[in-house]
Structures are given as C-alpha cells and as structure tokens.
Amino acid sequence: MEAAANKVVSIIYELRKNNENGEVVETLSQDNPMTFIMGSGNLLPKFEEHLQGLTAGQSFKFTISSEEGYGPIQENAIVDVPISIFEVDGKTDTNLLQLGNVIPMMDREGRRLNGLVKSVDNETVTMDFNHPMAGVALHFTGEVTEVREATEEELEHGHIHQGCGCSGGGCEDGSCSTDNAEGSCGCDNNDCSSEKSDHSKGGCGCGSHEHEHSH
C-alpha cells in the first residue's frame, strides 16, 4: 500500500539543520515512530509531498527549504515584554527567566505561543516567538515503516487513535513542541498580564521550566 491521502503512515527519521552534515535536531526510532494521516493538514505540505507514493520499507532523503518550511526569521516576533507578567505573588520567577528557556504564552486572541528568553533586565524580558526552525532548511533521512487504511473514526477526527501521531520536525502548526508558532507574537504595546499554571514537561524538545502565561 502506498502513502497517499487518507492513509495512516508511520515513519522514522533523523532531522538535521540545513543539510546531511548539519546539527541533528531530532531522531525518531522504531520504538517511537511518527504516525499521521496523510492529507489531514497537520504537516508541512512539502513534507507530505516527498512521502507521497512510498511504501513500507522504502527509505527517503530530502531537504525542505526554509521558505517551504517554517519561513524566515521575523524581526517583529522578537519583542520586549514587561517582567511584571512573570510575577507570582509579587515575586519574579527567576528560575523561569533563564536565558534559553522556552515559555508557553498566550496572545490576546487566545493563540498559544512559545517564547524563547533572549535577555532579561530589571524591567523587561526580550523574547523570541519565531518558530525554533525558522530560517533553517530541514534535512530528513528516514524510512516508511507502515502504511494502512485510516478508520472512519480517525478520518472524522483528523488524527490517529494510537500514539502521539506528530513530532516537531514536520508539523505545520508545531504540535507537540510549539502551538500555533507561526512567527508572530501579537504582544503589542506591553498589553500583557500573567497567570501561573502548573509546571509541565511537554515533549518534543520544547525547552524547560514551562509555565503558561496569557497576554
């Protein structure tokens, strides 16, 4: 059976930045394959295009340009937000505001965004809301491990009913690692507030010390 629209496809792969000699970003093995419904709209179109027609056991190698992947780095997605939005009971969470930490946040329209802490001073935090792979070509090397028919229920719901079904590298909306991370923060005019939620250990290499904040 060939990988095609409405088929459930499982793959393993190694994802590197830019080319086959680039930094390894993600590796999926036989015990943790990526499984998804082709044509469900959850993956980068170019990613699915390269898998079209492959069968179980076939290998693949391809590169997706940054323009066809997560786009260029957007300077307007790097913003300063008031440090006060990270206060809990009047105290700033200094453990959270470590350089390189990724903090789940929410804009005024309710969209979830992940922000990378780039710098911190007494009044502001500079955060980068670009997708982690923005401006980077994606080089995939892997193998199709299974192709099967999707059930009616899976097609109705638009996702599979076993496993995660998605990983960081090929997900158009950044599922599992970054929700709705399409390069725009939407945090204008310092119109931000914060509510602390429980710590989470969300997967797919998203970062550490996660809270969720709204603004």
N, C-alpha and C. Protein backbone atom coordinates (compact mmCIF):
# COMPACT_ATOMS: atom_id res chain seq x y z
N MET A 1 0.84 -1.19 0.00
CA MET A 1 0.00 0.00 0.00
C MET A 1 0.88 1.25 0.00
N GLU A 2 0.53 2.22 -0.83
CA GLU A 2 1.33 3.44 -0.96
C GLU A 2 0.82 4.55 -0.04
N ALA A 3 1.74 5.37 0.41
CA ALA A 3 1.37 6.56 1.19
C ALA A 3 0.61 7.52 0.30
N ALA A 4 -0.60 7.85 0.71
CA ALA A 4 -1.47 8.73 -0.08
C ALA A 4 -2.48 9.36 0.86
N ALA A 5 -3.29 10.25 0.32
CA ALA A 5 -4.29 10.96 1.12
C ALA A 5 -5.20 9.97 1.84
N ASN A 6 -5.46 10.26 3.10
CA ASN A 6 -6.34 9.48 3.98
C ASN A 6 -5.77 8.13 4.39
N LYS A 7 -4.49 7.89 4.12
CA LYS A 7 -3.81 6.70 4.61
C LYS A 7 -3.05 7.06 5.89
N VAL A 8 -2.98 6.11 6.82
CA VAL A 8 -2.19 6.30 8.03
C VAL A 8 -0.76 5.83 7.73
N VAL A 9 0.19 6.73 7.93
CA VAL A 9 1.58 6.46 7.59
C VAL A 9 2.44 6.58 8.85
N SER A 10 3.33 5.61 9.04
CA SER A 10 4.30 5.66 10.13
C SER A 10 5.70 5.75 9.53
N ILE A 11 6.51 6.63 10.09
CA ILE A 11 7.87 6.80 9.59
C ILE A 11 8.84 6.96 10.75
N ILE A 12 10.11 6.66 10.49
CA ILE A 12 11.19 7.01 11.40
C ILE A 12 12.14 7.90 10.61
N TYR A 13 12.84 8.78 11.31
CA TYR A 13 13.74 9.67 10.57
C TYR A 13 14.75 10.33 11.49
N GLU A 14 15.76 10.90 10.85
CA GLU A 14 16.70 11.80 11.50
C GLU A 14 16.55 13.15 10.82
N LEU A 15 16.38 14.19 11.62
CA LEU A 15 16.24 15.55 11.10
C LEU A 15 17.50 16.34 11.45
N ARG A 16 18.11 16.93 10.42
CA ARG A 16 19.28 17.79 10.62
C ARG A 16 19.01 19.19 10.08
N LYS A 17 19.72 20.15 10.63
CA LYS A 17 19.61 21.51 10.14
C LYS A 17 20.37 21.67 8.83
N ASN A 18 19.70 22.20 7.84
CA ASN A 18 20.27 22.67 6.58
C ASN A 18 20.70 21.57 5.60
N ASN A 19 21.51 20.57 6.04
CA ASN A 19 21.97 19.55 5.10
C ASN A 19 22.37 18.29 5.86
N GLU A 20 22.86 17.29 5.14
CA GLU A 20 23.15 16.00 5.75
C GLU A 20 24.30 16.04 6.75
N ASN A 21 25.06 17.13 6.74
CA ASN A 21 26.16 17.28 7.70
C ASN A 21 25.81 18.25 8.83
N GLY A 22 24.58 18.73 8.84
CA GLY A 22 24.19 19.72 9.83
C GLY A 22 23.91 19.13 11.20
N GLU A 23 23.61 20.02 12.12
CA GLU A 23 23.29 19.62 13.50
C GLU A 23 22.05 18.75 13.55
N VAL A 24 22.11 17.66 14.31
CA VAL A 24 20.96 16.79 14.48
C VAL A 24 19.94 17.45 15.40
N VAL A 25 18.72 17.59 14.92
CA VAL A 25 17.66 18.23 15.68
C VAL A 25 16.77 17.21 16.37
N GLU A 26 16.48 16.13 15.67
CA GLU A 26 15.52 15.15 16.19
C GLU A 26 15.77 13.79 15.54
N THR A 27 15.64 12.74 16.33
CA THR A 27 15.76 11.39 15.81
C THR A 27 14.59 10.56 16.31
N LEU A 28 13.86 9.95 15.39
CA LEU A 28 12.75 9.06 15.73
C LEU A 28 13.11 7.64 15.33
N SER A 29 13.04 6.72 16.30
CA SER A 29 13.44 5.34 16.06
C SER A 29 12.22 4.42 15.98
N GLN A 30 12.46 3.14 15.80
CA GLN A 30 11.38 2.16 15.65
C GLN A 30 10.44 2.13 16.85
N ASP A 31 10.98 2.40 18.05
CA ASP A 31 10.12 2.37 19.23
C ASP A 31 9.38 3.69 19.45
N ASN A 32 9.62 4.68 18.58
CA ASN A 32 8.92 5.96 18.71
C ASN A 32 8.70 6.57 17.33
N PRO A 33 7.95 5.88 16.46
CA PRO A 33 7.76 6.40 15.10
C PRO A 33 6.79 7.58 15.09
N MET A 34 6.82 8.32 14.01
CA MET A 34 5.85 9.38 13.77
C MET A 34 4.72 8.78 12.93
N THR A 35 3.50 8.87 13.42
CA THR A 35 2.35 8.27 12.74
C THR A 35 1.29 9.35 12.53
N PHE A 36 0.77 9.44 11.32
CA PHE A 36 -0.13 10.54 10.98
C PHE A 36 -1.02 10.13 9.82
N ILE A 37 -2.08 10.91 9.60
CA ILE A 37 -2.97 10.71 8.46
C ILE A 37 -2.53 11.65 7.34
N MET A 38 -2.15 11.10 6.22
CA MET A 38 -1.74 11.93 5.08
C MET A 38 -2.92 12.80 4.63
N GLY A 39 -2.62 14.06 4.38
CA GLY A 39 -3.65 14.97 3.87
C GLY A 39 -4.53 15.57 4.94
N SER A 40 -4.21 15.34 6.22
CA SER A 40 -5.05 15.89 7.29
C SER A 40 -4.77 17.34 7.58
N GLY A 41 -3.72 17.89 6.98
CA GLY A 41 -3.41 19.31 7.15
C GLY A 41 -2.55 19.62 8.35
N ASN A 42 -2.03 18.60 9.02
CA ASN A 42 -1.23 18.83 10.22
C ASN A 42 0.27 18.93 9.93
N LEU A 43 0.68 18.57 8.72
CA LEU A 43 2.10 18.56 8.38
C LEU A 43 2.41 19.57 7.29
N LEU A 44 3.68 19.93 7.20
CA LEU A 44 4.11 20.81 6.11
C LEU A 44 3.78 20.15 4.77
N PRO A 45 3.14 20.87 3.85
CA PRO A 45 2.77 20.27 2.55
C PRO A 45 3.97 19.67 1.82
N LYS A 46 5.12 20.33 1.88
CA LYS A 46 6.30 19.83 1.18
C LYS A 46 6.79 18.52 1.81
N PHE A 47 6.60 18.38 3.12
CA PHE A 47 6.99 17.15 3.82
C PHE A 47 6.17 15.98 3.28
N GLU A 48 4.86 16.15 3.20
CA GLU A 48 4.00 15.08 2.69
C GLU A 48 4.28 14.79 1.22
N GLU A 49 4.59 15.84 0.47
CA GLU A 49 4.86 15.66 -0.96
C GLU A 49 6.01 14.68 -1.19
N HIS A 50 7.04 14.76 -0.36
CA HIS A 50 8.19 13.88 -0.52
C HIS A 50 7.89 12.43 -0.11
N LEU A 51 6.84 12.22 0.68
CA LEU A 51 6.49 10.87 1.13
C LEU A 51 5.44 10.22 0.23
N GLN A 52 4.82 11.02 -0.61
CA GLN A 52 3.76 10.53 -1.47
C GLN A 52 4.23 9.34 -2.30
N GLY A 53 3.45 8.25 -2.27
CA GLY A 53 3.72 7.09 -3.11
C GLY A 53 4.69 6.08 -2.53
N LEU A 54 5.30 6.38 -1.38
CA LEU A 54 6.23 5.44 -0.77
C LEU A 54 5.47 4.31 -0.08
N THR A 55 6.11 3.16 0.05
CA THR A 55 5.51 2.00 0.71
C THR A 55 6.36 1.60 1.90
N ALA A 56 5.81 0.75 2.77
CA ALA A 56 6.54 0.30 3.95
C ALA A 56 7.86 -0.34 3.54
N GLY A 57 8.93 0.06 4.22
CA GLY A 57 10.25 -0.47 3.92
C GLY A 57 11.07 0.43 3.03
N GLN A 58 10.43 1.40 2.37
CA GLN A 58 11.17 2.30 1.50
C GLN A 58 11.81 3.42 2.32
N SER A 59 13.02 3.80 1.92
CA SER A 59 13.73 4.89 2.59
C SER A 59 13.52 6.19 1.84
N PHE A 60 13.85 7.30 2.49
CA PHE A 60 13.73 8.61 1.86
C PHE A 60 14.84 9.53 2.37
N LYS A 61 15.16 10.50 1.56
CA LYS A 61 16.11 11.54 1.92
C LYS A 61 15.72 12.79 1.14
N PHE A 62 15.46 13.87 1.83
CA PHE A 62 15.08 15.11 1.15
C PHE A 62 15.34 16.31 2.05
N THR A 63 15.40 17.48 1.43
CA THR A 63 15.61 18.73 2.15
C THR A 63 14.48 19.69 1.83
N ILE A 64 13.92 20.29 2.85
CA ILE A 64 12.88 21.31 2.68
C ILE A 64 13.51 22.67 2.98
N SER A 65 13.41 23.59 2.05
CA SER A 65 13.99 24.92 2.25
C SER A 65 13.26 25.65 3.37
N SER A 66 13.91 26.66 3.91
CA SER A 66 13.26 27.43 4.99
C SER A 66 11.99 28.10 4.49
N GLU A 67 11.98 28.52 3.21
CA GLU A 67 10.79 29.16 2.65
C GLU A 67 9.62 28.19 2.59
N GLU A 68 9.90 26.91 2.32
CA GLU A 68 8.85 25.90 2.25
C GLU A 68 8.61 25.24 3.60
N GLY A 69 9.45 25.57 4.58
CA GLY A 69 9.30 25.02 5.92
C GLY A 69 8.60 26.01 6.84
N TYR A 70 9.37 26.59 7.76
CA TYR A 70 8.78 27.49 8.75
C TYR A 70 9.06 28.95 8.46
N GLY A 71 9.55 29.24 7.24
CA GLY A 71 9.72 30.61 6.81
C GLY A 71 10.95 31.29 7.39
N PRO A 72 11.19 32.54 7.00
CA PRO A 72 12.34 33.28 7.51
C PRO A 72 12.10 33.75 8.94
N ILE A 73 13.18 34.16 9.58
CA ILE A 73 13.07 34.75 10.92
C ILE A 73 12.40 36.11 10.80
N GLN A 74 11.36 36.34 11.59
CA GLN A 74 10.63 37.60 11.59
C GLN A 74 11.12 38.47 12.75
N GLU A 75 11.68 39.62 12.40
CA GLU A 75 12.20 40.50 13.45
C GLU A 75 11.10 41.00 14.38
N ASN A 76 9.87 41.17 13.85
CA ASN A 76 8.78 41.66 14.70
C ASN A 76 8.24 40.60 15.65
N ALA A 77 8.79 39.37 15.55
CA ALA A 77 8.42 38.32 16.50
C ALA A 77 9.39 38.27 17.68
N ILE A 78 10.38 39.16 17.68
CA ILE A 78 11.30 39.31 18.81
C ILE A 78 10.91 40.58 19.54
N VAL A 79 10.34 40.44 20.73
CA VAL A 79 9.72 41.58 21.41
C VAL A 79 10.15 41.66 22.87
N ASP A 80 10.00 42.86 23.42
CA ASP A 80 10.22 43.09 24.84
C ASP A 80 8.88 43.07 25.56
N VAL A 81 8.78 42.29 26.62
CA VAL A 81 7.56 42.26 27.44
C VAL A 81 7.93 42.65 28.86
N PRO A 82 6.98 43.24 29.61
CA PRO A 82 7.28 43.66 30.99
C PRO A 82 7.61 42.45 31.86
N ILE A 83 8.62 42.58 32.67
CA ILE A 83 9.00 41.50 33.57
C ILE A 83 7.90 41.23 34.59
N SER A 84 7.03 42.20 34.78
CA SER A 84 5.96 42.07 35.78
C SER A 84 4.99 40.94 35.45
N ILE A 85 4.88 40.55 34.16
CA ILE A 85 3.92 39.49 33.83
C ILE A 85 4.39 38.13 34.31
N PHE A 86 5.64 38.06 34.75
CA PHE A 86 6.17 36.79 35.26
C PHE A 86 6.22 36.78 36.79
N GLU A 87 5.52 37.73 37.40
CA GLU A 87 5.47 37.78 38.86
C GLU A 87 4.38 36.86 39.39
N VAL A 88 4.68 36.18 40.46
CA VAL A 88 3.72 35.34 41.17
C VAL A 88 3.74 35.76 42.63
N ASP A 89 2.60 36.23 43.12
CA ASP A 89 2.50 36.74 44.50
C ASP A 89 3.52 37.84 44.73
N GLY A 90 3.69 38.70 43.72
CA GLY A 90 4.57 39.86 43.86
C GLY A 90 6.04 39.57 43.68
N LYS A 91 6.41 38.33 43.35
CA LYS A 91 7.81 37.98 43.19
C LYS A 91 8.05 37.42 41.78
N THR A 92 9.15 37.87 41.17
CA THR A 92 9.50 37.39 39.84
C THR A 92 10.08 35.99 39.92
N ASP A 93 9.61 35.13 39.05
CA ASP A 93 10.11 33.75 39.00
C ASP A 93 11.44 33.74 38.25
N THR A 94 12.54 33.90 38.97
CA THR A 94 13.85 33.97 38.35
C THR A 94 14.29 32.63 37.74
N ASN A 95 13.79 31.53 38.28
CA ASN A 95 14.12 30.22 37.71
C ASN A 95 13.54 30.07 36.31
N LEU A 96 12.38 30.69 36.11
CA LEU A 96 11.73 30.63 34.81
C LEU A 96 12.47 31.47 33.78
N LEU A 97 12.93 32.65 34.21
CA LEU A 97 13.53 33.61 33.28
C LEU A 97 15.02 33.38 33.10
N GLN A 98 15.39 32.15 32.77
CA GLN A 98 16.77 31.83 32.46
C GLN A 98 16.97 31.93 30.94
N LEU A 99 18.11 32.47 30.52
CA LEU A 99 18.38 32.59 29.09
C LEU A 99 18.28 31.22 28.43
N GLY A 100 17.55 31.17 27.32
CA GLY A 100 17.39 29.91 26.59
C GLY A 100 16.16 29.13 26.98
N ASN A 101 15.49 29.51 28.07
CA ASN A 101 14.25 28.82 28.44
C ASN A 101 13.15 29.14 27.43
N VAL A 102 12.28 28.18 27.20
CA VAL A 102 11.11 28.36 26.33
C VAL A 102 9.87 28.40 27.21
N ILE A 103 9.11 29.50 27.10
CA ILE A 103 7.97 29.71 27.98
C ILE A 103 6.67 29.73 27.16
N PRO A 104 5.74 28.81 27.43
CA PRO A 104 4.44 28.85 26.76
C PRO A 104 3.66 30.08 27.19
N MET A 105 3.13 30.81 26.22
CA MET A 105 2.35 32.01 26.50
C MET A 105 1.11 32.02 25.62
N MET A 106 0.30 33.05 25.78
CA MET A 106 -0.93 33.16 25.01
C MET A 106 -1.14 34.63 24.64
N ASP A 107 -1.48 34.89 23.37
CA ASP A 107 -1.70 36.28 22.98
C ASP A 107 -3.14 36.70 23.27
N ARG A 108 -3.45 37.93 22.91
CA ARG A 108 -4.77 38.48 23.26
C ARG A 108 -5.92 37.81 22.50
N GLU A 109 -5.60 37.09 21.43
CA GLU A 109 -6.63 36.35 20.68
C GLU A 109 -6.75 34.91 21.17
N GLY A 110 -6.01 34.56 22.20
CA GLY A 110 -6.09 33.22 22.76
C GLY A 110 -5.23 32.19 22.07
N ARG A 111 -4.34 32.63 21.17
CA ARG A 111 -3.44 31.70 20.48
C ARG A 111 -2.25 31.37 21.36
N ARG A 112 -1.89 30.11 21.40
CA ARG A 112 -0.74 29.69 22.21
C ARG A 112 0.54 29.91 21.43
N LEU A 113 1.54 30.47 22.10
CA LEU A 113 2.83 30.77 21.50
C LEU A 113 3.93 30.39 22.47
N ASN A 114 5.04 29.91 21.96
CA ASN A 114 6.19 29.62 22.80
C ASN A 114 7.23 30.70 22.59
N GLY A 115 7.71 31.28 23.66
CA GLY A 115 8.70 32.34 23.57
C GLY A 115 10.03 31.93 24.16
N LEU A 116 11.11 32.16 23.42
CA LEU A 116 12.46 31.87 23.88
C LEU A 116 13.02 33.09 24.59
N VAL A 117 13.48 32.91 25.83
CA VAL A 117 14.06 34.03 26.59
C VAL A 117 15.44 34.35 26.03
N LYS A 118 15.60 35.60 25.53
CA LYS A 118 16.88 36.00 24.94
C LYS A 118 17.69 36.91 25.85
N SER A 119 17.00 37.74 26.64
CA SER A 119 17.70 38.61 27.60
C SER A 119 16.71 39.07 28.66
N VAL A 120 17.25 39.44 29.82
CA VAL A 120 16.43 39.87 30.95
C VAL A 120 17.12 41.04 31.63
N ASP A 121 16.35 42.11 31.94
CA ASP A 121 16.87 43.17 32.79
C ASP A 121 15.86 43.46 33.88
N ASN A 122 16.00 44.56 34.57
CA ASN A 122 15.14 44.82 35.72
C ASN A 122 13.70 45.09 35.35
N GLU A 123 13.45 45.50 34.10
CA GLU A 123 12.10 45.90 33.72
C GLU A 123 11.49 45.06 32.61
N THR A 124 12.32 44.53 31.71
CA THR A 124 11.78 43.84 30.54
C THR A 124 12.46 42.50 30.30
N VAL A 125 11.75 41.66 29.55
CA VAL A 125 12.28 40.38 29.09
C VAL A 125 12.17 40.37 27.57
N THR A 126 13.28 40.17 26.89
CA THR A 126 13.27 40.06 25.44
C THR A 126 13.01 38.60 25.07
N MET A 127 11.94 38.38 24.28
CA MET A 127 11.52 37.04 23.93
C MET A 127 11.41 36.88 22.42
N ASP A 128 11.79 35.71 21.95
CA ASP A 128 11.74 35.39 20.53
C ASP A 128 10.61 34.40 20.30
N PHE A 129 9.58 34.84 19.55
CA PHE A 129 8.41 34.00 19.28
C PHE A 129 8.46 33.36 17.90
N ASN A 130 9.62 33.45 17.22
CA ASN A 130 9.77 32.73 15.97
C ASN A 130 9.72 31.23 16.23
N HIS A 131 9.29 30.47 15.22
CA HIS A 131 9.38 29.02 15.33
C HIS A 131 10.84 28.64 15.48
N PRO A 132 11.16 27.64 16.31
CA PRO A 132 12.56 27.26 16.51
C PRO A 132 13.31 26.92 15.22
N MET A 133 12.58 26.51 14.19
CA MET A 133 13.23 26.14 12.93
C MET A 133 13.05 27.20 11.84
N ALA A 134 12.62 28.39 12.22
CA ALA A 134 12.51 29.48 11.25
C ALA A 134 13.89 29.82 10.71
N GLY A 135 13.96 30.08 9.41
CA GLY A 135 15.22 30.45 8.79
C GLY A 135 16.16 29.29 8.57
N VAL A 136 15.70 28.07 8.78
CA VAL A 136 16.56 26.88 8.68
C VAL A 136 15.97 25.90 7.67
N ALA A 137 16.81 25.36 6.80
CA ALA A 137 16.37 24.28 5.93
C ALA A 137 16.30 22.98 6.74
N LEU A 138 15.38 22.10 6.39
CA LEU A 138 15.15 20.86 7.13
C LEU A 138 15.59 19.67 6.28
N HIS A 139 16.58 18.92 6.75
CA HIS A 139 17.07 17.77 6.00
C HIS A 139 16.64 16.49 6.70
N PHE A 140 15.81 15.69 6.03
CA PHE A 140 15.27 14.45 6.59
C PHE A 140 15.90 13.24 5.92
N THR A 141 16.26 12.25 6.71
CA THR A 141 16.69 10.95 6.23
C THR A 141 15.93 9.90 7.03
N GLY A 142 15.21 9.00 6.36
CA GLY A 142 14.43 8.05 7.15
C GLY A 142 13.83 6.93 6.33
N GLU A 143 12.80 6.31 6.90
CA GLU A 143 12.17 5.14 6.29
C GLU A 143 10.70 5.08 6.65
N VAL A 144 9.90 4.67 5.70
CA VAL A 144 8.48 4.41 5.96
C VAL A 144 8.38 3.03 6.61
N THR A 145 7.74 2.95 7.77
CA THR A 145 7.65 1.67 8.48
C THR A 145 6.29 1.00 8.32
N GLU A 146 5.26 1.78 8.03
CA GLU A 146 3.92 1.18 7.88
C GLU A 146 3.02 2.13 7.12
N VAL A 147 2.15 1.56 6.30
CA VAL A 147 1.08 2.30 5.64
C VAL A 147 -0.18 1.47 5.77
N ARG A 148 -1.26 2.06 6.27
CA ARG A 148 -2.51 1.33 6.42
C ARG A 148 -3.68 2.26 6.13
N GLU A 149 -4.86 1.65 6.00
CA GLU A 149 -6.07 2.43 5.84
C GLU A 149 -6.44 3.11 7.17
N ALA A 150 -6.91 4.34 7.09
CA ALA A 150 -7.42 5.02 8.29
C ALA A 150 -8.83 4.54 8.57
N THR A 151 -9.19 4.46 9.84
CA THR A 151 -10.56 4.10 10.19
C THR A 151 -11.48 5.29 9.93
N GLU A 152 -12.77 5.02 9.86
CA GLU A 152 -13.73 6.11 9.66
C GLU A 152 -13.66 7.12 10.80
N GLU A 153 -13.46 6.60 12.01
CA GLU A 153 -13.38 7.49 13.17
C GLU A 153 -12.14 8.37 13.10
N GLU A 154 -11.01 7.79 12.68
CA GLU A 154 -9.79 8.57 12.54
C GLU A 154 -9.95 9.66 11.49
N LEU A 155 -10.57 9.32 10.37
CA LEU A 155 -10.79 10.31 9.33
C LEU A 155 -11.72 11.42 9.80
N GLU A 156 -12.73 11.04 10.57
CA GLU A 156 -13.68 12.03 11.08
C GLU A 156 -13.01 13.00 12.05
N HIS A 157 -12.11 12.46 12.89
CA HIS A 157 -11.44 13.28 13.89
C HIS A 157 -10.19 13.96 13.36
N GLY A 158 -9.65 13.46 12.27
CA GLY A 158 -8.48 14.07 11.67
C GLY A 158 -7.16 13.70 12.30
N HIS A 159 -7.15 12.65 13.14
CA HIS A 159 -5.91 12.20 13.76
C HIS A 159 -6.03 10.72 14.09
N ILE A 160 -4.88 10.10 14.32
CA ILE A 160 -4.90 8.68 14.64
C ILE A 160 -5.27 8.47 16.10
N HIS A 161 -5.61 7.24 16.45
CA HIS A 161 -6.05 6.93 17.80
C HIS A 161 -5.09 6.03 18.54
N GLN A 162 -3.79 6.16 18.19
CA GLN A 162 -2.77 5.45 18.95
C GLN A 162 -1.49 6.26 18.85
N GLY A 163 -0.83 6.49 19.99
CA GLY A 163 0.41 7.25 19.98
C GLY A 163 0.18 8.73 19.81
N CYS A 164 1.28 9.47 19.74
CA CYS A 164 1.20 10.92 19.62
C CYS A 164 0.74 11.34 18.24
N GLY A 165 1.27 10.68 17.20
CA GLY A 165 0.85 10.99 15.85
C GLY A 165 1.48 12.23 15.28
N CYS A 166 2.43 12.83 15.97
CA CYS A 166 3.04 14.03 15.44
C CYS A 166 4.33 14.30 16.16
N SER A 167 5.26 14.92 15.46
CA SER A 167 6.51 15.30 16.10
C SER A 167 6.95 16.65 15.60
N GLY A 168 8.03 17.16 16.20
CA GLY A 168 8.39 18.54 15.95
C GLY A 168 8.75 18.88 14.52
N GLY A 169 9.52 18.02 13.84
CA GLY A 169 10.10 18.42 12.58
C GLY A 169 9.12 18.71 11.47
N GLY A 170 8.11 17.86 11.27
CA GLY A 170 7.27 18.01 10.11
C GLY A 170 5.94 18.69 10.37
N CYS A 171 5.67 19.07 11.61
CA CYS A 171 4.34 19.58 11.93
C CYS A 171 4.19 21.02 11.52
N GLU A 172 3.19 21.29 10.70
CA GLU A 172 3.00 22.64 10.20
C GLU A 172 2.67 23.61 11.31
N ASP A 173 1.86 23.18 12.29
CA ASP A 173 1.47 24.09 13.36
C ASP A 173 2.36 23.92 14.59
N GLY A 174 3.42 23.11 14.49
CA GLY A 174 4.33 22.94 15.60
C GLY A 174 3.78 22.12 16.73
N SER A 175 2.77 21.28 16.46
CA SER A 175 2.16 20.49 17.51
C SER A 175 3.21 19.70 18.26
N CYS A 176 2.95 19.41 19.49
CA CYS A 176 3.83 18.64 20.37
C CYS A 176 5.01 19.46 20.85
N SER A 177 5.38 20.48 20.13
CA SER A 177 6.51 21.27 20.59
C SER A 177 6.16 22.73 20.73
N THR A 178 5.49 23.30 19.75
CA THR A 178 5.09 24.69 19.82
C THR A 178 3.71 24.84 19.22
N ASP A 179 2.78 25.37 19.96
CA ASP A 179 1.42 25.52 19.47
C ASP A 179 1.25 26.82 18.73
N ASN A 180 0.73 26.74 17.50
CA ASN A 180 0.48 27.91 16.68
C ASN A 180 1.68 28.84 16.57
N ALA A 181 2.87 28.27 16.55
CA ALA A 181 4.06 29.10 16.46
C ALA A 181 4.34 29.41 15.00
N GLU A 182 3.76 30.46 14.48
CA GLU A 182 3.93 30.80 13.08
C GLU A 182 4.63 32.14 12.92
N GLY A 183 5.36 32.59 13.94
CA GLY A 183 6.25 33.71 13.76
C GLY A 183 5.73 35.04 14.24
N SER A 184 4.52 35.14 14.75
CA SER A 184 4.01 36.43 15.19
C SER A 184 3.60 36.36 16.64
N CYS A 185 4.14 37.29 17.45
CA CYS A 185 3.83 37.27 18.88
C CYS A 185 2.48 37.89 19.17
N GLY A 186 2.21 39.04 18.59
CA GLY A 186 0.94 39.72 18.85
C GLY A 186 0.90 40.43 20.19
N CYS A 187 2.05 40.54 20.86
CA CYS A 187 2.07 41.20 22.16
C CYS A 187 2.52 42.64 21.96
N ASP A 188 1.58 43.50 21.62
CA ASP A 188 1.91 44.88 21.32
C ASP A 188 1.61 45.79 22.51
N ASN A 189 2.31 46.91 22.53
CA ASN A 189 2.03 47.98 23.49
C ASN A 189 2.10 47.53 24.94
N ASN A 190 2.92 46.49 25.20
CA ASN A 190 3.09 46.00 26.56
C ASN A 190 1.77 45.62 27.22
N ASP A 191 0.78 45.24 26.40
CA ASP A 191 -0.53 44.88 26.93
C ASP A 191 -0.51 43.43 27.34
N CYS A 192 0.17 43.14 28.45
CA CYS A 192 0.36 41.76 28.86
C CYS A 192 0.01 41.58 30.32
N SER A 193 -0.43 40.37 30.64
CA SER A 193 -0.66 40.01 32.03
C SER A 193 -0.25 38.56 32.16
N SER A 194 -0.27 38.04 33.36
CA SER A 194 0.23 36.68 33.54
C SER A 194 -0.58 35.94 34.58
N GLU A 195 -0.76 34.63 34.32
CA GLU A 195 -1.32 33.74 35.32
C GLU A 195 -0.44 32.52 35.37
N LYS A 196 -0.01 32.14 36.56
CA LYS A 196 0.86 30.97 36.68
C LYS A 196 0.01 29.72 36.66
N SER A 197 0.48 28.73 35.92
CA SER A 197 -0.18 27.43 35.91
C SER A 197 0.81 26.39 36.40
N ASP A 198 0.36 25.14 36.47
CA ASP A 198 1.23 24.07 36.93
C ASP A 198 2.39 23.88 35.96
N HIS A 199 3.53 23.45 36.50
CA HIS A 199 4.66 23.09 35.64
C HIS A 199 4.24 21.94 34.74
N SER A 200 4.74 21.98 33.52
CA SER A 200 4.51 20.85 32.62
C SER A 200 5.84 20.44 32.03
N LYS A 201 5.89 19.21 31.57
CA LYS A 201 7.10 18.71 30.93
C LYS A 201 6.77 18.31 29.51
N GLY A 202 6.16 19.25 28.80
CA GLY A 202 5.77 19.00 27.43
C GLY A 202 6.94 18.55 26.58
N GLY A 203 6.65 17.69 25.58
CA GLY A 203 7.73 16.99 24.90
C GLY A 203 8.23 17.65 23.64
N CYS A 204 8.92 16.82 22.87
CA CYS A 204 9.48 17.18 21.57
C CYS A 204 10.54 18.26 21.66
N GLY A 205 11.33 18.28 22.71
CA GLY A 205 12.47 19.19 22.78
C GLY A 205 12.09 20.64 22.88
N CYS A 206 10.97 20.91 23.52
CA CYS A 206 10.45 22.28 23.54
C CYS A 206 11.19 23.18 24.49
N GLY A 207 11.82 22.66 25.52
CA GLY A 207 12.52 23.52 26.47
C GLY A 207 12.19 23.10 27.89
N SER A 208 12.55 23.94 28.85
CA SER A 208 12.40 23.55 30.23
C SER A 208 11.72 24.64 31.03
N HIS A 209 11.37 24.31 32.27
CA HIS A 209 10.75 25.25 33.21
C HIS A 209 9.51 25.89 32.62
N GLU A 210 8.61 25.08 32.11
CA GLU A 210 7.47 25.63 31.40
C GLU A 210 6.36 26.06 32.33
N HIS A 211 5.85 27.27 32.08
CA HIS A 211 4.61 27.75 32.68
C HIS A 211 3.74 28.19 31.50
N GLU A 212 2.55 28.62 31.81
CA GLU A 212 1.75 29.22 30.75
C GLU A 212 1.31 30.58 31.21
N HIS A 213 1.47 31.57 30.35
CA HIS A 213 1.13 32.94 30.64
C HIS A 213 0.19 33.45 29.55
N SER A 214 -0.66 34.37 29.90
CA SER A 214 -1.55 34.95 28.89
C SER A 214 -1.30 36.43 28.79
N HIS A 215 -1.48 36.97 27.58
CA HIS A 215 -1.29 38.40 27.38
C HIS A 215 -2.10 38.85 26.18
